Amino acid sequence: MNIGKVDKEVLKSVITEVLIENPNYFKEILTEILSENSIIDSNVRNKRSNRLEEMIQEDFDKYGEVFKSLA
């Protein structure tokens, strides 16, 4: 993907729509991206991976309403 060709406003709009429609869907995508890039090992769950997932969930719980209000 060539990030230079991505219009930031279009990307922002798409992410905002996803957050409004289903914030958990965005979380699932983020978790999948982290797994695909070996940041979270999907086969071996260690403390660090679990903590990272907990932090993601905490952020979505804490800022879910903020995401919606920004749209």
C-alpha atoms as a PDB file:
ATOM      1  CA  MET A   1       0.000   0.000   0.000  1.00  0.00           C
ATOM      2  CA  ASN A   2       1.357   3.381  -0.984  1.00  0.00           C
ATOM      3  CA  ILE A   3       0.489   5.654   1.922  1.00  0.00           C
ATOM      4  CA  GLY A   4       1.409   8.698  -0.167  1.00  0.00           C
ATOM      5  CA  LYS A   5      -1.580   8.072  -2.419  1.00  0.00           C
ATOM      6  CA  VAL A   6      -4.088   7.694   0.414  1.00  0.00           C
ATOM      7  CA  ASP A   7      -6.212  10.773   0.952  1.00  0.00           C
ATOM      8  CA  LYS A   8      -6.166  11.360   4.702  1.00  0.00           C
ATOM      9  CA  GLU A   9      -9.653  12.856   4.719  1.00  0.00           C
ATOM     10  CA  VAL A  10     -11.109   9.820   2.940  1.00  0.00           C
ATOM     11  CA  LEU A  11      -9.292   7.480   5.313  1.00  0.00           C
ATOM     12  CA  LYS A  12     -10.496   9.489   8.299  1.00  0.00           C
ATOM     13  CA  SER A  13     -14.048   9.365   6.990  1.00  0.00           C
ATOM     14  CA  VAL A  14     -13.939   5.595   6.496  1.00  0.00           C
ATOM     15  CA  ILE A  15     -12.513   4.963   9.971  1.00  0.00           C
ATOM     16  CA  THR A  16     -15.095   7.284  11.505  1.00  0.00           C
ATOM     17  CA  GLU A  17     -17.931   5.417   9.782  1.00  0.00           C
ATOM     18  CA  VAL A  18     -16.601   2.080  11.024  1.00  0.00           C
ATOM     19  CA  LEU A  19     -16.326   3.421  14.574  1.00  0.00           C
ATOM     20  CA  ILE A  20     -19.861   4.786  14.467  1.00  0.00           C
ATOM     21  CA  GLU A  21     -21.391   1.633  13.021  1.00  0.00           C
ATOM     22  CA  ASN A  22     -19.526  -0.926  15.085  1.00  0.00           C
ATOM     23  CA  PRO A  23     -16.579   0.014  17.311  1.00  0.00           C
ATOM     24  CA  ASN A  24     -15.883  -3.658  18.051  1.00  0.00           C
ATOM     25  CA  TYR A  25     -15.356  -4.334  14.351  1.00  0.00           C
ATOM     26  CA  PHE A  26     -12.516  -1.807  14.337  1.00  0.00           C
ATOM     27  CA  LYS A  27     -11.032  -3.488  17.402  1.00  0.00           C
ATOM     28  CA  GLU A  28     -11.178  -6.867  15.665  1.00  0.00           C
ATOM     29  CA  ILE A  29      -9.419  -5.427  12.606  1.00  0.00           C
ATOM     30  CA  LEU A  30      -6.730  -3.832  14.766  1.00  0.00           C
ATOM     31  CA  THR A  31      -6.164  -7.111  16.612  1.00  0.00           C
ATOM     32  CA  GLU A  32      -5.952  -8.972  13.298  1.00  0.00           C
ATOM     33  CA  ILE A  33      -3.396  -6.491  11.946  1.00  0.00           C
ATOM     34  CA  LEU A  34      -1.302  -6.873  15.087  1.00  0.00           C
ATOM     35  CA  SER A  35      -1.437 -10.665  14.725  1.00  0.00           C
ATOM     36  CA  GLU A  36      -0.529 -10.578  11.032  1.00  0.00           C
ATOM     37  CA  ASN A  37       2.502  -8.423  11.783  1.00  0.00           C
ATOM     38  CA  SER A  38       3.686 -10.730  14.588  1.00  0.00           C
ATOM     39  CA  ILE A  39       3.046  -8.120  17.250  1.00  0.00           C
ATOM     40  CA  ILE A  40       0.554 -10.484  18.835  1.00  0.00           C
ATOM     41  CA  ASP A  41       1.327 -14.176  18.383  1.00  0.00           C
ATOM     42  CA  SER A  42      -2.008 -15.842  17.675  1.00  0.00           C
ATOM     43  CA  ASN A  43      -0.729 -19.307  18.584  1.00  0.00           C
ATOM     44  CA  VAL A  44       1.140 -18.594  21.796  1.00  0.00           C
ATOM     45  CA  ARG A  45      -0.587 -16.329  24.290  1.00  0.00           C
ATOM     46  CA  ASN A  46       1.946 -14.823  26.639  1.00  0.00           C
ATOM     47  CA  LYS A  47       1.545 -12.179  29.300  1.00  0.00           C
ATOM     48  CA  ARG A  48       2.653  -9.376  27.019  1.00  0.00           C
ATOM     49  CA  SER A  49       0.211 -10.303  24.261  1.00  0.00           C
ATOM     50  CA  ASN A  50      -2.625 -10.622  26.736  1.00  0.00           C
ATOM     51  CA  ARG A  51      -1.765  -7.266  28.299  1.00  0.00           C
ATOM     52  CA  LEU A  52      -1.655  -5.619  24.872  1.00  0.00           C
ATOM     53  CA  GLU A  53      -5.105  -6.963  24.085  1.00  0.00           C
ATOM     54  CA  GLU A  54      -6.357  -5.767  27.481  1.00  0.00           C
ATOM     55  CA  MET A  55      -4.956  -2.295  26.785  1.00  0.00           C
ATOM     56  CA  ILE A  56      -6.709  -2.181  23.414  1.00  0.00           C
ATOM     57  CA  GLN A  57      -9.974  -3.184  25.059  1.00  0.00           C
ATOM     58  CA  GLU A  58      -9.505  -0.608  27.823  1.00  0.00           C
ATOM     59  CA  ASP A  59      -8.966   2.131  25.231  1.00  0.00           C
ATOM     60  CA  PHE A  60     -12.091   1.130  23.339  1.00  0.00           C
ATOM     61  CA  ASP A  61     -14.083   1.012  26.574  1.00  0.00           C
ATOM     62  CA  LYS A  62     -12.704   4.352  27.732  1.00  0.00           C
ATOM     63  CA  TYR A  63     -12.849   6.241  24.436  1.00  0.00           C
ATOM     64  CA  GLY A  64     -15.775   4.554  22.692  1.00  0.00           C
ATOM     65  CA  GLU A  65     -18.058   7.507  23.289  1.00  0.00           C
ATOM     66  CA  VAL A  66     -15.322   9.919  22.200  1.00  0.00           C
ATOM     67  CA  PHE A  67     -14.962   8.038  18.893  1.00  0.00           C
ATOM     68  CA  LYS A  68     -18.698   8.344  18.325  1.00  0.00           C
ATOM     69  CA  SER A  69     -18.839  12.024  19.269  1.00  0.00           C
ATOM     70  CA  LEU A  70     -15.942  12.892  16.961  1.00  0.00           C
ATOM     71  CA  ALA A  71     -17.970  11.672  14.026  1.00  0.00           C
END
